[in-house]
Amino acid sequence: MQRTSRFQLVEDDFESVNRQTASLAGLAVALFLVVVGLYLVHALHQKTRVEDCLLAGRLNCDSLVAAIGGSARRPIR
């Protein structure tokens, strides 16, 4: 029969806590990367829509920019 001391149990508890902390940190990093990736995809999609409008030769692309949420520049009269 193997005897374990209470110091061995304390070391096992620390290892368990360290493993949980590392797992939570990894999950936080993965979640952060997903959020940043979704933001980049959304921003690139908006810029692609404006660029497609300009490449099509349209003149009213400023309304598309305003609808997306950007600042449409108005000519000074």
PDB file of N, CA and C in Angstrom:
ATOM      1  N   MET A   1       0.827  -1.165   0.000  1.00  0.00           N
ATOM      2  CA  MET A   1       0.000   0.000   0.000  1.00  0.00           C
ATOM      3  C   MET A   1       0.882   1.243   0.000  1.00  0.00           C
ATOM      4  N   GLN A   2       0.552   2.155  -0.877  1.00  0.00           N
ATOM      5  CA  GLN A   2       1.379   3.355  -1.009  1.00  0.00           C
ATOM      6  C   GLN A   2       0.823   4.461  -0.128  1.00  0.00           C
ATOM      7  N   ARG A   3       1.730   5.092   0.570  1.00  0.00           N
ATOM      8  CA  ARG A   3       1.311   6.166   1.454  1.00  0.00           C
ATOM      9  C   ARG A   3       1.641   7.495   0.787  1.00  0.00           C
ATOM     10  N   THR A   4       0.720   8.408   0.877  1.00  0.00           N
ATOM     11  CA  THR A   4       0.966   9.743   0.336  1.00  0.00           C
ATOM     12  C   THR A   4       0.977  10.735   1.482  1.00  0.00           C
ATOM     13  N   SER A   5       1.875  11.645   1.393  1.00  0.00           N
ATOM     14  CA  SER A   5       1.937  12.668   2.432  1.00  0.00           C
ATOM     15  C   SER A   5       1.047  13.845   2.025  1.00  0.00           C
ATOM     16  N   ARG A   6       0.790  14.699   2.964  1.00  0.00           N
ATOM     17  CA  ARG A   6      -0.070  15.845   2.645  1.00  0.00           C
ATOM     18  C   ARG A   6       0.658  16.830   1.748  1.00  0.00           C
ATOM     19  N   PHE A   7       2.008  16.794   1.742  1.00  0.00           N
ATOM     20  CA  PHE A   7       2.754  17.671   0.847  1.00  0.00           C
ATOM     21  C   PHE A   7       2.569  17.240  -0.603  1.00  0.00           C
ATOM     22  N   GLN A   8       2.448  15.961  -0.833  1.00  0.00           N
ATOM     23  CA  GLN A   8       2.200  15.454  -2.183  1.00  0.00           C
ATOM     24  C   GLN A   8       0.833  15.923  -2.671  1.00  0.00           C
ATOM     25  N   LEU A   9      -0.153  15.927  -1.794  1.00  0.00           N
ATOM     26  CA  LEU A   9      -1.483  16.382  -2.177  1.00  0.00           C
ATOM     27  C   LEU A   9      -1.480  17.875  -2.503  1.00  0.00           C
ATOM     28  N   VAL A  10      -0.723  18.658  -1.771  1.00  0.00           N
ATOM     29  CA  VAL A  10      -0.638  20.091  -2.027  1.00  0.00           C
ATOM     30  C   VAL A  10       0.001  20.342  -3.387  1.00  0.00           C
ATOM     31  N   GLU A  11       1.055  19.591  -3.730  1.00  0.00           N
ATOM     32  CA  GLU A  11       1.693  19.734  -5.047  1.00  0.00           C
ATOM     33  C   GLU A  11       0.728  19.384  -6.160  1.00  0.00           C
ATOM     34  N   ASP A  12      -0.064  18.347  -5.975  1.00  0.00           N
ATOM     35  CA  ASP A  12      -1.048  17.962  -6.984  1.00  0.00           C
ATOM     36  C   ASP A  12      -2.101  19.060  -7.163  1.00  0.00           C
ATOM     37  N   ASP A  13      -2.505  19.691  -6.061  1.00  0.00           N
ATOM     38  CA  ASP A  13      -3.475  20.780  -6.149  1.00  0.00           C
ATOM     39  C   ASP A  13      -2.892  21.960  -6.929  1.00  0.00           C
ATOM     40  N   PHE A  14      -1.628  22.298  -6.689  1.00  0.00           N
ATOM     41  CA  PHE A  14      -0.994  23.392  -7.419  1.00  0.00           C
ATOM     42  C   PHE A  14      -0.901  23.073  -8.901  1.00  0.00           C
ATOM     43  N   GLU A  15      -0.573  21.839  -9.228  1.00  0.00           N
ATOM     44  CA  GLU A  15      -0.495  21.448 -10.638  1.00  0.00           C
ATOM     45  C   GLU A  15      -1.866  21.555 -11.305  1.00  0.00           C
ATOM     46  N   SER A  16      -2.894  21.163 -10.579  1.00  0.00           N
ATOM     47  CA  SER A  16      -4.253  21.250 -11.115  1.00  0.00           C
ATOM     48  C   SER A  16      -4.653  22.706 -11.351  1.00  0.00           C
ATOM     49  N   VAL A  17      -4.339  23.572 -10.405  1.00  0.00           N
ATOM     50  CA  VAL A  17      -4.670  24.995 -10.548  1.00  0.00           C
ATOM     51  C   VAL A  17      -3.879  25.607 -11.692  1.00  0.00           C
ATOM     52  N   ASN A  18      -2.613  25.263 -11.810  1.00  0.00           N
ATOM     53  CA  ASN A  18      -1.788  25.787 -12.899  1.00  0.00           C
ATOM     54  C   ASN A  18      -2.312  25.315 -14.252  1.00  0.00           C
ATOM     55  N   ARG A  19      -2.755  24.092 -14.321  1.00  0.00           N
ATOM     56  CA  ARG A  19      -3.288  23.552 -15.572  1.00  0.00           C
ATOM     57  C   ARG A  19      -4.579  24.268 -15.953  1.00  0.00           C
ATOM     58  N   GLN A  20      -5.438  24.541 -14.967  1.00  0.00           N
ATOM     59  CA  GLN A  20      -6.688  25.257 -15.224  1.00  0.00           C
ATOM     60  C   GLN A  20      -6.413  26.694 -15.663  1.00  0.00           C
ATOM     61  N   THR A  21      -5.448  27.341 -15.024  1.00  0.00           N
ATOM     62  CA  THR A  21      -5.092  28.708 -15.393  1.00  0.00           C
ATOM     63  C   THR A  21      -4.555  28.762 -16.815  1.00  0.00           C
ATOM     64  N   ALA A  22      -3.714  27.820 -17.159  1.00  0.00           N
ATOM     65  CA  ALA A  22      -3.175  27.785 -18.515  1.00  0.00           C
ATOM     66  C   ALA A  22      -4.285  27.522 -19.537  1.00  0.00           C
ATOM     67  N   SER A  23      -5.221  26.680 -19.199  1.00  0.00           N
ATOM     68  CA  SER A  23      -6.338  26.398 -20.101  1.00  0.00           C
ATOM     69  C   SER A  23      -7.211  27.635 -20.302  1.00  0.00           C
ATOM     70  N   LEU A  24      -7.496  28.342 -19.237  1.00  0.00           N
ATOM     71  CA  LEU A  24      -8.301  29.559 -19.346  1.00  0.00           C
ATOM     72  C   LEU A  24      -7.569  30.640 -20.133  1.00  0.00           C
ATOM     73  N   ALA A  25      -6.276  30.755 -19.947  1.00  0.00           N
ATOM     74  CA  ALA A  25      -5.499  31.736 -20.707  1.00  0.00           C
ATOM     75  C   ALA A  25      -5.507  31.377 -22.192  1.00  0.00           C
ATOM     76  N   GLY A  26      -5.381  30.110 -22.507  1.00  0.00           N
ATOM     77  CA  GLY A  26      -5.442  29.679 -23.905  1.00  0.00           C
ATOM     78  C   GLY A  26      -6.800  29.945 -24.524  1.00  0.00           C
ATOM     79  N   LEU A  27      -7.855  29.719 -23.757  1.00  0.00           N
ATOM     80  CA  LEU A  27      -9.201  29.994 -24.245  1.00  0.00           C
ATOM     81  C   LEU A  27      -9.401  31.487 -24.482  1.00  0.00           C
ATOM     82  N   ALA A  28      -8.888  32.323 -23.592  1.00  0.00           N
ATOM     83  CA  ALA A  28      -9.006  33.772 -23.753  1.00  0.00           C
ATOM     84  C   ALA A  28      -8.265  34.247 -24.997  1.00  0.00           C
ATOM     85  N   VAL A  29      -7.088  33.711 -25.237  1.00  0.00           N
ATOM     86  CA  VAL A  29      -6.316  34.090 -26.430  1.00  0.00           C
ATOM     87  C   VAL A  29      -7.045  33.648 -27.691  1.00  0.00           C
ATOM     88  N   ALA A  30      -7.580  32.453 -27.693  1.00  0.00           N
ATOM     89  CA  ALA A  30      -8.311  31.957 -28.863  1.00  0.00           C
ATOM     90  C   ALA A  30      -9.556  32.802 -29.119  1.00  0.00           C
ATOM     91  N   LEU A  31     -10.274  33.166 -28.071  1.00  0.00           N
ATOM     92  CA  LEU A  31     -11.463  34.002 -28.230  1.00  0.00           C
ATOM     93  C   LEU A  31     -11.092  35.386 -28.757  1.00  0.00           C
ATOM     94  N   PHE A  32     -10.011  35.947 -28.259  1.00  0.00           N
ATOM     95  CA  PHE A  32      -9.525  37.245 -28.741  1.00  0.00           C
ATOM     96  C   PHE A  32      -9.189  37.177 -30.225  1.00  0.00           C
ATOM     97  N   LEU A  33      -8.515  36.122 -30.656  1.00  0.00           N
ATOM     98  CA  LEU A  33      -8.160  35.979 -32.066  1.00  0.00           C
ATOM     99  C   LEU A  33      -9.395  35.833 -32.948  1.00  0.00           C
ATOM    100  N   VAL A  34     -10.409  35.147 -32.461  1.00  0.00           N
ATOM    101  CA  VAL A  34     -11.651  35.004 -33.229  1.00  0.00           C
ATOM    102  C   VAL A  34     -12.334  36.359 -33.389  1.00  0.00           C
ATOM    103  N   VAL A  35     -12.393  37.138 -32.308  1.00  0.00           N
ATOM    104  CA  VAL A  35     -13.038  38.455 -32.370  1.00  0.00           C
ATOM    105  C   VAL A  35     -12.280  39.377 -33.321  1.00  0.00           C
ATOM    106  N   VAL A  36     -10.960  39.397 -33.241  1.00  0.00           N
ATOM    107  CA  VAL A  36     -10.153  40.233 -34.139  1.00  0.00           C
ATOM    108  C   VAL A  36     -10.327  39.776 -35.586  1.00  0.00           C
ATOM    109  N   GLY A  37     -10.364  38.478 -35.814  1.00  0.00           N
ATOM    110  CA  GLY A  37     -10.567  37.959 -37.167  1.00  0.00           C
ATOM    111  C   GLY A  37     -11.915  38.352 -37.730  1.00  0.00           C
ATOM    112  N   LEU A  38     -12.967  38.277 -36.925  1.00  0.00           N
ATOM    113  CA  LEU A  38     -14.300  38.685 -37.389  1.00  0.00           C
ATOM    114  C   LEU A  38     -14.347  40.172 -37.698  1.00  0.00           C
ATOM    115  N   TYR A  39     -13.687  40.983 -36.879  1.00  0.00           N
ATOM    116  CA  TYR A  39     -13.639  42.423 -37.143  1.00  0.00           C
ATOM    117  C   TYR A  39     -12.926  42.696 -38.467  1.00  0.00           C
ATOM    118  N   LEU A  40     -11.813  42.030 -38.710  1.00  0.00           N
ATOM    119  CA  LEU A  40     -11.074  42.243 -39.957  1.00  0.00           C
ATOM    120  C   LEU A  40     -11.889  41.815 -41.166  1.00  0.00           C
ATOM    121  N   VAL A  41     -12.580  40.700 -41.063  1.00  0.00           N
ATOM    122  CA  VAL A  41     -13.416  40.242 -42.181  1.00  0.00           C
ATOM    123  C   VAL A  41     -14.508  41.260 -42.470  1.00  0.00           C
ATOM    124  N   HIS A  42     -15.132  41.782 -41.422  1.00  0.00           N
ATOM    125  CA  HIS A  42     -16.189  42.775 -41.601  1.00  0.00           C
ATOM    126  C   HIS A  42     -15.644  44.059 -42.234  1.00  0.00           C
ATOM    127  N   ALA A  43     -14.514  44.554 -41.745  1.00  0.00           N
ATOM    128  CA  ALA A  43     -13.925  45.781 -42.280  1.00  0.00           C
ATOM    129  C   ALA A  43     -13.498  45.600 -43.734  1.00  0.00           C
ATOM    130  N   LEU A  44     -12.903  44.468 -44.062  1.00  0.00           N
ATOM    131  CA  LEU A  44     -12.480  44.225 -45.446  1.00  0.00           C
ATOM    132  C   LEU A  44     -13.678  44.082 -46.373  1.00  0.00           C
ATOM    133  N   HIS A  45     -14.764  43.509 -45.876  1.00  0.00           N
ATOM    134  CA  HIS A  45     -15.972  43.387 -46.696  1.00  0.00           C
ATOM    135  C   HIS A  45     -16.541  44.767 -47.024  1.00  0.00           C
ATOM    136  N   GLN A  46     -16.544  45.665 -46.052  1.00  0.00           N
ATOM    137  CA  GLN A  46     -17.033  47.014 -46.309  1.00  0.00           C
ATOM    138  C   GLN A  46     -16.169  47.737 -47.330  1.00  0.00           C
ATOM    139  N   LYS A  47     -14.870  47.621 -47.198  1.00  0.00           N
ATOM    140  CA  LYS A  47     -13.969  48.286 -48.133  1.00  0.00           C
ATOM    141  C   LYS A  47     -14.094  47.688 -49.532  1.00  0.00           C
ATOM    142  N   THR A  48     -14.351  46.407 -49.620  1.00  0.00           N
ATOM    143  CA  THR A  48     -14.537  45.758 -50.913  1.00  0.00           C
ATOM    144  C   THR A  48     -15.794  46.279 -51.603  1.00  0.00           C
ATOM    145  N   ARG A  49     -16.861  46.493 -50.852  1.00  0.00           N
ATOM    146  CA  ARG A  49     -18.099  47.019 -51.439  1.00  0.00           C
ATOM    147  C   ARG A  49     -17.871  48.406 -52.034  1.00  0.00           C
ATOM    148  N   VAL A  50     -17.161  49.267 -51.321  1.00  0.00           N
ATOM    149  CA  VAL A  50     -16.881  50.614 -51.821  1.00  0.00           C
ATOM    150  C   VAL A  50     -15.975  50.537 -53.045  1.00  0.00           C
ATOM    151  N   GLU A  51     -14.967  49.695 -52.985  1.00  0.00           N
ATOM    152  CA  GLU A  51     -14.046  49.569 -54.111  1.00  0.00           C
ATOM    153  C   GLU A  51     -14.760  49.030 -55.348  1.00  0.00           C
ATOM    154  N   ASP A  52     -15.628  48.064 -55.173  1.00  0.00           N
ATOM    155  CA  ASP A  52     -16.397  47.542 -56.301  1.00  0.00           C
ATOM    156  C   ASP A  52     -17.279  48.625 -56.912  1.00  0.00           C
ATOM    157  N   CYS A  53     -17.848  49.456 -56.056  1.00  0.00           N
ATOM    158  CA  CYS A  53     -18.682  50.554 -56.546  1.00  0.00           C
ATOM    159  C   CYS A  53     -17.844  51.518 -57.388  1.00  0.00           C
ATOM    160  N   LEU A  54     -16.679  51.864 -56.901  1.00  0.00           N
ATOM    161  CA  LEU A  54     -15.809  52.787 -57.639  1.00  0.00           C
ATOM    162  C   LEU A  54     -15.309  52.172 -58.944  1.00  0.00           C
ATOM    163  N   LEU A  55     -14.957  50.905 -58.911  1.00  0.00           N
ATOM    164  CA  LEU A  55     -14.464  50.251 -60.121  1.00  0.00           C
ATOM    165  C   LEU A  55     -15.556  50.066 -61.165  1.00  0.00           C
ATOM    166  N   ALA A  56     -16.810  50.061 -60.736  1.00  0.00           N
ATOM    167  CA  ALA A  56     -17.919  49.950 -61.681  1.00  0.00           C
ATOM    168  C   ALA A  56     -18.185  51.273 -62.385  1.00  0.00           C
ATOM    169  N   GLY A  57     -17.520  52.320 -61.965  1.00  0.00           N
ATOM    170  CA  GLY A  57     -17.672  53.610 -62.615  1.00  0.00           C
ATOM    171  C   GLY A  57     -18.838  54.422 -62.099  1.00  0.00           C
ATOM    172  N   ARG A  58     -19.382  54.055 -60.989  1.00  0.00           N
ATOM    173  CA  ARG A  58     -20.511  54.804 -60.433  1.00  0.00           C
ATOM    174  C   ARG A  58     -20.021  56.092 -59.786  1.00  0.00           C
ATOM    175  N   LEU A  59     -20.892  57.064 -59.753  1.00  0.00           N
ATOM    176  CA  LEU A  59     -20.524  58.363 -59.187  1.00  0.00           C
ATOM    177  C   LEU A  59     -21.123  58.599 -57.808  1.00  0.00           C
ATOM    178  N   ASN A  60     -22.035  57.766 -57.382  1.00  0.00           N
ATOM    179  CA  ASN A  60     -22.709  57.984 -56.101  1.00  0.00           C
ATOM    180  C   ASN A  60     -22.231  57.017 -55.023  1.00  0.00           C
ATOM    181  N   CYS A  61     -20.981  56.700 -55.000  1.00  0.00           N
ATOM    182  CA  CYS A  61     -20.446  55.761 -54.005  1.00  0.00           C
ATOM    183  C   CYS A  61     -20.376  56.379 -52.617  1.00  0.00           C
ATOM    184  N   ASP A  62     -20.468  57.714 -52.541  1.00  0.00           N
ATOM    185  CA  ASP A  62     -20.452  58.348 -51.226  1.00  0.00           C
ATOM    186  C   ASP A  62     -21.685  57.974 -50.414  1.00  0.00           C
ATOM    187  N   SER A  63     -22.803  57.704 -51.076  1.00  0.00           N
ATOM    188  CA  SER A  63     -23.990  57.260 -50.337  1.00  0.00           C
ATOM    189  C   SER A  63     -23.771  55.866 -49.758  1.00  0.00           C
ATOM    190  N   LEU A  64     -23.008  55.040 -50.468  1.00  0.00           N
ATOM    191  CA  LEU A  64     -22.680  53.712 -49.957  1.00  0.00           C
ATOM    192  C   LEU A  64     -21.778  53.829 -48.736  1.00  0.00           C
ATOM    193  N   VAL A  65     -20.820  54.734 -48.784  1.00  0.00           N
ATOM    194  CA  VAL A  65     -19.920  54.941 -47.649  1.00  0.00           C
ATOM    195  C   VAL A  65     -20.710  55.461 -46.453  1.00  0.00           C
ATOM    196  N   ALA A  66     -21.651  56.379 -46.692  1.00  0.00           N
ATOM    197  CA  ALA A  66     -22.459  56.915 -45.598  1.00  0.00           C
ATOM    198  C   ALA A  66     -23.366  55.836 -45.012  1.00  0.00           C
ATOM    199  N   ALA A  67     -23.869  54.947 -45.876  1.00  0.00           N
ATOM    200  CA  ALA A  67     -24.742  53.885 -45.387  1.00  0.00           C
ATOM    201  C   ALA A  67     -23.955  52.872 -44.552  1.00  0.00           C
ATOM    202  N   ILE A  68     -22.707  52.673 -44.895  1.00  0.00           N
ATOM    203  CA  ILE A  68     -21.862  51.736 -44.140  1.00  0.00           C
ATOM    204  C   ILE A  68     -21.503  52.313 -42.783  1.00  0.00           C
ATOM    205  N   GLY A  69     -21.394  53.620 -42.697  1.00  0.00           N
ATOM    206  CA  GLY A  69     -21.071  54.232 -41.418  1.00  0.00           C
ATOM    207  C   GLY A  69     -19.840  55.091 -41.472  1.00  0.00           C
ATOM    208  N   GLY A  70     -19.242  55.220 -42.627  1.00  0.00           N
ATOM    209  CA  GLY A  70     -18.086  56.078 -42.772  1.00  0.00           C
ATOM    210  C   GLY A  70     -18.514  57.515 -42.953  1.00  0.00           C
ATOM    211  N   SER A  71     -17.551  58.380 -43.018  1.00  0.00           N
ATOM    212  CA  SER A  71     -17.889  59.797 -43.195  1.00  0.00           C
ATOM    213  C   SER A  71     -17.821  60.126 -44.683  1.00  0.00           C
ATOM    214  N   ALA A  72     -18.931  60.500 -45.248  1.00  0.00           N
ATOM    215  CA  ALA A  72     -18.980  60.883 -46.656  1.00  0.00           C
ATOM    216  C   ALA A  72     -18.534  62.342 -46.765  1.00  0.00           C
ATOM    217  N   ARG A  73     -17.599  62.608 -47.625  1.00  0.00           N
ATOM    218  CA  ARG A  73     -17.106  63.972 -47.804  1.00  0.00           C
ATOM    219  C   ARG A  73     -18.034  64.698 -48.787  1.00  0.00           C
ATOM    220  N   ARG A  74     -18.459  65.869 -48.369  1.00  0.00           N
ATOM    221  CA  ARG A  74     -19.316  66.677 -49.220  1.00  0.00           C
ATOM    222  C   ARG A  74     -18.480  67.814 -49.800  1.00  0.00           C
ATOM    223  N   PRO A  75     -18.703  68.140 -51.043  1.00  0.00           N
ATOM    224  CA  PRO A  75     -17.948  69.257 -51.627  1.00  0.00           C
ATOM    225  C   PRO A  75     -18.362  70.580 -50.989  1.00  0.00           C
ATOM    226  N   ILE A  76     -17.386  71.433 -50.820  1.00  0.00           N
ATOM    227  CA  ILE A  76     -17.633  72.767 -50.259  1.00  0.00           C
ATOM    228  C   ILE A  76     -18.108  73.669 -51.380  1.00  0.00           C
ATOM    229  N   ARG A  77     -19.215  74.380 -51.152  1.00  0.00           N
ATOM    230  CA  ARG A  77     -19.766  75.257 -52.197  1.00  0.00           C
ATOM    231  C   ARG A  77     -19.545  76.687 -51.846  1.00  0.00           C
TER     232      ARG A  77
END
